[in-house]
Amino acid sequence: MKDKECLEHIQNAIERIKSYTENSNQDDFLSNTLLQDAILYQFTIIGEAIMYVDDELLQQYDYPWYAVRSFRNYIAHQYFGINLSKVWNTIEINLPELERMITMILQNN
């Protein structure tokens, strides 16, 4: 898979998470297993796709890329022990910056 294609997959997954949470709050998320599953799946896509983007390209941008990969591993391996409040915080705090970085990389390449 090419870098651009992987980055577009990430961008699409971010858009889906945003659309899923558009009219939701943390309480909605914590009480809705369907919403949780949909969002966790999109985070898995993000983490998987970032592994196929050339490290040399990512290193040109100041962002903790390891955290994206680590979050995917956390979801994949802690599936029964996932801290859903942590996932919600990631959506609110980290996702906008990741979206900004992915958009910047796509625009520059």
Protein backbone atom coordinates (compact mmCIF):
# COMPACT_ATOMS: atom_id res chain seq x y z
CA MET A 1 0.00 0.00 0.00
CA LYS A 2 1.28 3.47 -0.82
CA ASP A 3 1.73 6.19 1.77
CA LYS A 4 -1.00 8.38 0.30
CA GLU A 5 -3.50 5.53 0.30
CA CYS A 6 -2.73 4.72 3.95
CA LEU A 7 -3.02 8.36 4.94
CA GLU A 8 -6.36 8.59 3.16
CA HIS A 9 -7.57 5.52 5.08
CA ILE A 10 -6.57 7.29 8.29
CA GLN A 11 -8.31 10.46 7.22
CA ASN A 12 -11.48 8.50 6.39
CA ALA A 13 -11.40 6.70 9.76
CA ILE A 14 -11.03 10.04 11.56
CA GLU A 15 -14.00 11.42 9.63
CA ARG A 16 -16.07 8.40 10.63
CA ILE A 17 -15.18 8.80 14.30
CA LYS A 18 -16.13 12.47 14.09
CA SER A 19 -19.45 11.64 12.45
CA TYR A 20 -20.21 8.91 15.01
CA THR A 21 -19.57 11.28 17.90
CA GLU A 22 -21.00 14.46 16.40
CA ASN A 23 -24.10 14.51 18.60
CA SER A 24 -22.71 12.43 21.45
CA ASN A 25 -21.05 13.07 24.75
CA GLN A 26 -18.97 10.85 26.99
CA ASP A 27 -22.04 9.43 28.76
CA ASP A 28 -23.57 8.46 25.42
CA PHE A 29 -20.34 6.77 24.43
CA LEU A 30 -19.96 4.91 27.72
CA SER A 31 -23.50 3.55 27.54
CA ASN A 32 -23.61 2.60 23.85
CA THR A 33 -21.71 -0.58 22.95
CA LEU A 34 -22.48 -0.18 19.26
CA LEU A 35 -20.89 3.26 19.27
CA GLN A 36 -17.92 1.93 21.22
CA ASP A 37 -17.38 -0.92 18.78
CA ALA A 38 -17.61 1.37 15.75
CA ILE A 39 -15.11 3.84 17.18
CA LEU A 40 -12.68 1.19 18.40
CA TYR A 41 -12.72 -0.38 14.94
CA GLN A 42 -11.88 2.97 13.33
CA PHE A 43 -9.01 3.49 15.79
CA THR A 44 -7.75 0.03 14.83
CA ILE A 45 -7.80 1.05 11.17
CA ILE A 46 -5.87 4.23 12.00
CA GLY A 47 -3.23 2.34 13.96
CA GLU A 48 -2.89 -0.35 11.33
CA ALA A 49 -2.63 2.08 8.43
CA ILE A 50 0.00 4.25 10.12
CA MET A 51 2.28 1.19 10.33
CA TYR A 52 2.46 1.15 6.54
CA VAL A 53 3.37 4.81 6.11
CA ASP A 54 7.08 5.34 5.50
CA ASP A 55 8.81 6.31 8.74
CA GLU A 56 11.01 8.81 6.87
CA LEU A 57 7.87 10.66 5.79
CA LEU A 58 6.36 10.66 9.28
CA GLN A 59 9.62 11.83 10.89
CA GLN A 60 9.35 15.05 8.91
CA TYR A 61 6.39 16.00 11.12
CA ASP A 62 6.59 16.62 14.83
CA TYR A 63 3.99 14.24 16.20
CA PRO A 64 4.18 11.21 18.54
CA TRP A 65 3.50 8.61 15.82
CA TYR A 66 4.40 5.81 18.23
CA ALA A 67 1.30 6.75 20.26
CA VAL A 68 -0.97 6.05 17.28
CA ARG A 69 0.57 2.60 16.86
CA SER A 70 0.48 1.96 20.60
CA PHE A 71 -3.19 2.90 20.83
CA ARG A 72 -4.02 0.34 18.14
CA ASN A 73 -2.11 -2.31 20.09
CA TYR A 74 -3.88 -1.31 23.28
CA ILE A 75 -7.28 -1.77 21.62
CA ALA A 76 -6.30 -5.03 19.93
CA HIS A 77 -4.77 -6.66 22.99
CA GLN A 78 -6.78 -5.21 25.88
CA TYR A 79 -10.17 -5.63 24.26
CA PHE A 80 -11.88 -6.73 27.51
CA GLY A 81 -10.03 -4.22 29.65
CA ILE A 82 -10.16 -1.08 27.55
CA ASN A 83 -10.62 2.09 29.56
CA LEU A 84 -13.44 3.70 27.60
CA SER A 85 -12.96 7.05 29.30
CA LYS A 86 -9.40 7.02 27.91
CA VAL A 87 -10.81 6.34 24.44
CA TRP A 88 -13.22 9.27 24.79
CA ASN A 89 -10.39 11.54 25.94
CA THR A 90 -8.38 10.44 22.92
CA ILE A 91 -11.26 11.45 20.66
CA GLU A 92 -11.57 14.86 22.27
CA ILE A 93 -7.92 15.67 22.91
CA ASN A 94 -5.72 13.77 20.46
CA LEU A 95 -7.87 13.17 17.40
CA PRO A 96 -8.09 16.81 16.24
CA GLU A 97 -4.29 17.13 16.23
CA LEU A 98 -3.87 13.81 14.42
CA GLU A 99 -6.39 14.97 11.83
CA ARG A 100 -4.46 18.22 11.38
CA MET A 101 -1.19 16.33 10.88
CA ILE A 102 -2.64 13.85 8.40
CA THR A 103 -4.23 16.67 6.41
CA MET A 104 -0.92 18.55 6.37
CA ILE A 105 1.02 15.51 5.16
CA LEU A 106 -1.51 14.82 2.41
CA GLN A 107 -1.37 18.46 1.27
CA ASN A 108 2.42 18.47 1.22
CA ASN A 109 2.90 15.18 -0.63
